[in-house]
Amino acid sequence: MNKPPQIPIETWQFFQAGKSYLGIEFIQKLYKISSRQIDRWCSDPDYTDSNQKNPQDRLEAMLTKLMALGHEDVAKAAVRRMVRVVGCVMVDASDAEPDKETLSEECLDDYGTIRVLHQAMMDGEHPLIVQKLKEDLVREVEESQALYLKNIKRK
């Protein structure tokens, strides 16, 4: 198999790398499509007439639409599953914005979230649910820290 020239950045490069490392036969069986269709997915759109969207392009379009409609939890759940496959965790890139008026209220808010996380673990919930709850806890703690830092700057 030929090694792709670089780490995939664009979705077509990802499919090109998959074709190189896994072989076209594997991808054909996986997606139940022709080798020509795989070649379309692997082609640089700047140099081809094909406007065929590959599965990753389609998934990104679906996630974008879900986000636009306010269903961030559903979109993030899909990404969380993919991230787990490669042994990583998802980190929300948005800045923590405190949702309480006082630092004591923010800190108290953390306790409810950790209680829910611990209960989910004790109940044997699915690891993806536990991961999401952990992310919620981290966000809550970051909100507390953000309000703390905001208050310190005022002094």
C-alpha atoms as a PDB file:
ATOM      1  CA  MET A   1       0.000   0.000   0.000  1.00  0.00           C
ATOM      2  CA  ASN A   2       1.155   3.523  -0.735  1.00  0.00           C
ATOM      3  CA  LYS A   3       1.553   5.864   2.196  1.00  0.00           C
ATOM      4  CA  PRO A   4      -0.417   9.113   1.837  1.00  0.00           C
ATOM      5  CA  PRO A   5       1.836  12.165   1.491  1.00  0.00           C
ATOM      6  CA  GLN A   6       0.562  13.927   4.617  1.00  0.00           C
ATOM      7  CA  ILE A   7      -1.716  13.744   7.641  1.00  0.00           C
ATOM      8  CA  PRO A   8      -5.294  14.080   6.327  1.00  0.00           C
ATOM      9  CA  ILE A   9      -6.777  17.545   6.756  1.00  0.00           C
ATOM     10  CA  GLU A  10      -9.616  17.473   4.235  1.00  0.00           C
ATOM     11  CA  THR A  11     -12.209  14.714   4.212  1.00  0.00           C
ATOM     12  CA  TRP A  12     -11.132  13.477   0.768  1.00  0.00           C
ATOM     13  CA  GLN A  13      -7.593  13.085   2.147  1.00  0.00           C
ATOM     14  CA  PHE A  14      -8.950  10.960   4.984  1.00  0.00           C
ATOM     15  CA  PHE A  15     -10.589   8.623   2.482  1.00  0.00           C
ATOM     16  CA  GLN A  16      -7.411   8.608   0.397  1.00  0.00           C
ATOM     17  CA  ALA A  17      -5.445   7.548   3.493  1.00  0.00           C
ATOM     18  CA  GLY A  18      -8.052   4.901   4.311  1.00  0.00           C
ATOM     19  CA  LYS A  19      -7.801   3.546   0.798  1.00  0.00           C
ATOM     20  CA  SER A  20      -3.993   3.472   1.039  1.00  0.00           C
ATOM     21  CA  TYR A  21      -3.837   1.776   4.443  1.00  0.00           C
ATOM     22  CA  LEU A  22      -6.915  -0.452   4.374  1.00  0.00           C
ATOM     23  CA  GLY A  23      -7.227  -1.190   0.682  1.00  0.00           C
ATOM     24  CA  ILE A  24     -10.051  -0.429  -1.669  1.00  0.00           C
ATOM     25  CA  GLU A  25     -11.600  -3.890  -1.151  1.00  0.00           C
ATOM     26  CA  PHE A  26     -12.131  -3.239   2.566  1.00  0.00           C
ATOM     27  CA  ILE A  27     -13.855   0.097   1.881  1.00  0.00           C
ATOM     28  CA  GLN A  28     -15.965  -1.465  -0.893  1.00  0.00           C
ATOM     29  CA  LYS A  29     -17.219  -4.140   1.495  1.00  0.00           C
ATOM     30  CA  LEU A  30     -17.756  -1.673   4.318  1.00  0.00           C
ATOM     31  CA  TYR A  31     -19.854   0.780   2.288  1.00  0.00           C
ATOM     32  CA  LYS A  32     -21.131  -1.661  -0.352  1.00  0.00           C
ATOM     33  CA  ILE A  33     -20.086   0.651  -3.186  1.00  0.00           C
ATOM     34  CA  SER A  34     -18.011   0.507  -6.349  1.00  0.00           C
ATOM     35  CA  SER A  35     -14.301   1.222  -6.510  1.00  0.00           C
ATOM     36  CA  ARG A  36     -15.120   4.180  -8.771  1.00  0.00           C
ATOM     37  CA  GLN A  37     -17.225   5.744  -6.002  1.00  0.00           C
ATOM     38  CA  ILE A  38     -14.336   5.334  -3.569  1.00  0.00           C
ATOM     39  CA  ASP A  39     -12.052   7.015  -6.096  1.00  0.00           C
ATOM     40  CA  ARG A  40     -14.505   9.949  -6.214  1.00  0.00           C
ATOM     41  CA  TRP A  41     -14.422  10.256  -2.420  1.00  0.00           C
ATOM     42  CA  CYS A  42     -10.605  10.233  -2.545  1.00  0.00           C
ATOM     43  CA  SER A  43     -10.322  12.919  -5.228  1.00  0.00           C
ATOM     44  CA  ASP A  44      -9.282  16.506  -4.576  1.00  0.00           C
ATOM     45  CA  PRO A  45     -12.372  18.551  -5.546  1.00  0.00           C
ATOM     46  CA  ASP A  46     -10.122  21.342  -6.833  1.00  0.00           C
ATOM     47  CA  TYR A  47      -8.971  19.048  -9.636  1.00  0.00           C
ATOM     48  CA  THR A  48     -12.035  16.932 -10.426  1.00  0.00           C
ATOM     49  CA  ASP A  49     -15.497  17.511 -11.818  1.00  0.00           C
ATOM     50  CA  SER A  50     -17.057  15.221  -9.234  1.00  0.00           C
ATOM     51  CA  ASN A  51     -19.283  16.849  -6.649  1.00  0.00           C
ATOM     52  CA  GLN A  52     -19.885  13.606  -4.759  1.00  0.00           C
ATOM     53  CA  LYS A  53     -19.884  14.124  -1.007  1.00  0.00           C
ATOM     54  CA  ASN A  54     -18.159  11.416   1.003  1.00  0.00           C
ATOM     55  CA  PRO A  55     -19.673  10.054   4.236  1.00  0.00           C
ATOM     56  CA  GLN A  56     -17.581  12.351   6.419  1.00  0.00           C
ATOM     57  CA  ASP A  57     -18.743  15.429   4.482  1.00  0.00           C
ATOM     58  CA  ARG A  58     -22.332  14.264   4.937  1.00  0.00           C
ATOM     59  CA  LEU A  59     -21.858  13.627   8.655  1.00  0.00           C
ATOM     60  CA  GLU A  60     -20.356  17.097   9.084  1.00  0.00           C
ATOM     61  CA  ALA A  61     -23.361  18.600   7.255  1.00  0.00           C
ATOM     62  CA  MET A  62     -25.714  16.714   9.566  1.00  0.00           C
ATOM     63  CA  LEU A  63     -23.837  17.832  12.686  1.00  0.00           C
ATOM     64  CA  THR A  64     -23.813  21.434  11.467  1.00  0.00           C
ATOM     65  CA  LYS A  65     -27.574  21.335  10.899  1.00  0.00           C
ATOM     66  CA  LEU A  66     -28.201  19.791  14.319  1.00  0.00           C
ATOM     67  CA  MET A  67     -26.098  22.531  15.935  1.00  0.00           C
ATOM     68  CA  ALA A  68     -27.929  25.245  13.989  1.00  0.00           C
ATOM     69  CA  LEU A  69     -31.267  23.879  15.194  1.00  0.00           C
ATOM     70  CA  GLY A  70     -30.091  23.938  18.817  1.00  0.00           C
ATOM     71  CA  HIS A  71     -29.531  20.193  19.211  1.00  0.00           C
ATOM     72  CA  GLU A  72     -25.927  20.528  20.341  1.00  0.00           C
ATOM     73  CA  ASP A  73     -26.306  17.603  22.752  1.00  0.00           C
ATOM     74  CA  VAL A  74     -27.161  15.218  19.909  1.00  0.00           C
ATOM     75  CA  ALA A  75     -24.349  16.482  17.667  1.00  0.00           C
ATOM     76  CA  LYS A  76     -21.813  16.317  20.486  1.00  0.00           C
ATOM     77  CA  ALA A  77     -22.958  12.797  21.428  1.00  0.00           C
ATOM     78  CA  ALA A  78     -22.111  11.620  17.899  1.00  0.00           C
ATOM     79  CA  VAL A  79     -18.664  13.216  18.055  1.00  0.00           C
ATOM     80  CA  ARG A  80     -18.100  11.850  21.563  1.00  0.00           C
ATOM     81  CA  ARG A  81     -18.608   8.310  20.181  1.00  0.00           C
ATOM     82  CA  MET A  82     -16.042   8.870  17.438  1.00  0.00           C
ATOM     83  CA  VAL A  83     -13.531  10.440  19.798  1.00  0.00           C
ATOM     84  CA  ARG A  84     -13.792   7.432  22.116  1.00  0.00           C
ATOM     85  CA  VAL A  85     -12.893   5.072  19.247  1.00  0.00           C
ATOM     86  CA  VAL A  86      -9.463   6.691  18.950  1.00  0.00           C
ATOM     87  CA  GLY A  87      -8.872   6.833  22.710  1.00  0.00           C
ATOM     88  CA  CYS A  88      -9.394  10.554  23.193  1.00  0.00           C
ATOM     89  CA  VAL A  89     -11.835  12.755  25.058  1.00  0.00           C
ATOM     90  CA  MET A  90     -13.794  15.680  23.759  1.00  0.00           C
ATOM     91  CA  VAL A  91     -13.179  19.152  25.171  1.00  0.00           C
ATOM     92  CA  ASP A  92     -15.754  21.881  24.611  1.00  0.00           C
ATOM     93  CA  ALA A  93     -13.965  24.852  23.073  1.00  0.00           C
ATOM     94  CA  SER A  94     -16.432  27.440  24.315  1.00  0.00           C
ATOM     95  CA  ASP A  95     -15.321  29.692  27.148  1.00  0.00           C
ATOM     96  CA  ALA A  96     -16.902  29.016  30.506  1.00  0.00           C
ATOM     97  CA  GLU A  97     -19.578  31.599  31.166  1.00  0.00           C
ATOM     98  CA  PRO A  98     -20.833  31.698  34.780  1.00  0.00           C
ATOM     99  CA  ASP A  99     -24.589  31.226  35.051  1.00  0.00           C
ATOM    100  CA  LYS A 100     -24.953  32.236  38.709  1.00  0.00           C
ATOM    101  CA  GLU A 101     -24.729  35.660  40.355  1.00  0.00           C
ATOM    102  CA  THR A 102     -22.327  34.859  43.184  1.00  0.00           C
ATOM    103  CA  LEU A 103     -19.291  32.673  43.614  1.00  0.00           C
ATOM    104  CA  SER A 104     -20.949  30.716  46.421  1.00  0.00           C
ATOM    105  CA  GLU A 105     -23.911  29.935  44.138  1.00  0.00           C
ATOM    106  CA  GLU A 106     -21.523  28.834  41.362  1.00  0.00           C
ATOM    107  CA  CYS A 107     -19.609  26.593  43.762  1.00  0.00           C
ATOM    108  CA  LEU A 108     -22.819  25.058  45.130  1.00  0.00           C
ATOM    109  CA  ASP A 109     -23.869  24.376  41.531  1.00  0.00           C
ATOM    110  CA  ASP A 110     -20.789  22.136  41.173  1.00  0.00           C
ATOM    111  CA  TYR A 111     -22.019  19.768  43.894  1.00  0.00           C
ATOM    112  CA  GLY A 112     -25.220  18.800  42.105  1.00  0.00           C
ATOM    113  CA  THR A 113     -23.284  17.967  38.966  1.00  0.00           C
ATOM    114  CA  ILE A 114     -20.729  15.810  40.762  1.00  0.00           C
ATOM    115  CA  ARG A 115     -23.552  14.013  42.579  1.00  0.00           C
ATOM    116  CA  VAL A 116     -25.196  13.163  39.224  1.00  0.00           C
ATOM    117  CA  LEU A 117     -21.865  11.944  37.824  1.00  0.00           C
ATOM    118  CA  HIS A 118     -21.153   9.758  40.847  1.00  0.00           C
ATOM    119  CA  GLN A 119     -24.668   8.313  40.817  1.00  0.00           C
ATOM    120  CA  ALA A 120     -24.336   7.435  37.113  1.00  0.00           C
ATOM    121  CA  MET A 121     -21.083   5.598  37.820  1.00  0.00           C
ATOM    122  CA  MET A 122     -22.586   3.783  40.807  1.00  0.00           C
ATOM    123  CA  ASP A 123     -25.578   2.784  38.653  1.00  0.00           C
ATOM    124  CA  GLY A 124     -23.287   1.391  35.954  1.00  0.00           C
ATOM    125  CA  GLU A 125     -24.436   3.796  33.246  1.00  0.00           C
ATOM    126  CA  HIS A 126     -22.952   3.543  29.760  1.00  0.00           C
ATOM    127  CA  PRO A 127     -19.395   4.950  29.552  1.00  0.00           C
ATOM    128  CA  LEU A 128     -20.476   7.596  27.027  1.00  0.00           C
ATOM    129  CA  ILE A 129     -23.094   8.900  29.444  1.00  0.00           C
ATOM    130  CA  VAL A 130     -20.509   8.985  32.239  1.00  0.00           C
ATOM    131  CA  GLN A 131     -18.088  10.805  29.917  1.00  0.00           C
ATOM    132  CA  LYS A 132     -20.723  13.428  29.091  1.00  0.00           C
ATOM    133  CA  LEU A 133     -21.516  13.928  32.777  1.00  0.00           C
ATOM    134  CA  LYS A 134     -17.806  14.331  33.530  1.00  0.00           C
ATOM    135  CA  GLU A 135     -17.620  16.988  30.811  1.00  0.00           C
ATOM    136  CA  ASP A 136     -20.618  18.718  32.423  1.00  0.00           C
ATOM    137  CA  LEU A 137     -18.795  18.707  35.771  1.00  0.00           C
ATOM    138  CA  VAL A 138     -15.627  20.139  34.244  1.00  0.00           C
ATOM    139  CA  ARG A 139     -17.713  22.890  32.617  1.00  0.00           C
ATOM    140  CA  GLU A 140     -19.361  23.687  35.961  1.00  0.00           C
ATOM    141  CA  VAL A 141     -15.988  23.916  37.717  1.00  0.00           C
ATOM    142  CA  GLU A 142     -14.680  26.132  34.913  1.00  0.00           C
ATOM    143  CA  GLU A 143     -17.706  28.424  35.387  1.00  0.00           C
ATOM    144  CA  SER A 144     -16.860  28.693  39.079  1.00  0.00           C
ATOM    145  CA  GLN A 145     -13.249  29.478  38.300  1.00  0.00           C
ATOM    146  CA  ALA A 146     -14.260  32.053  35.663  1.00  0.00           C
ATOM    147  CA  LEU A 147     -16.450  33.906  38.186  1.00  0.00           C
ATOM    148  CA  TYR A 148     -13.684  33.653  40.796  1.00  0.00           C
ATOM    149  CA  LEU A 149     -11.168  35.194  38.377  1.00  0.00           C
ATOM    150  CA  LYS A 150     -13.651  37.874  37.368  1.00  0.00           C
ATOM    151  CA  ASN A 151     -14.174  38.801  41.041  1.00  0.00           C
ATOM    152  CA  ILE A 152     -10.431  38.843  41.753  1.00  0.00           C
ATOM    153  CA  LYS A 153      -9.822  41.282  38.887  1.00  0.00           C
ATOM    154  CA  ARG A 154     -12.360  43.698  40.390  1.00  0.00           C
ATOM    155  CA  LYS A 155     -10.395  43.922  43.656  1.00  0.00           C
END
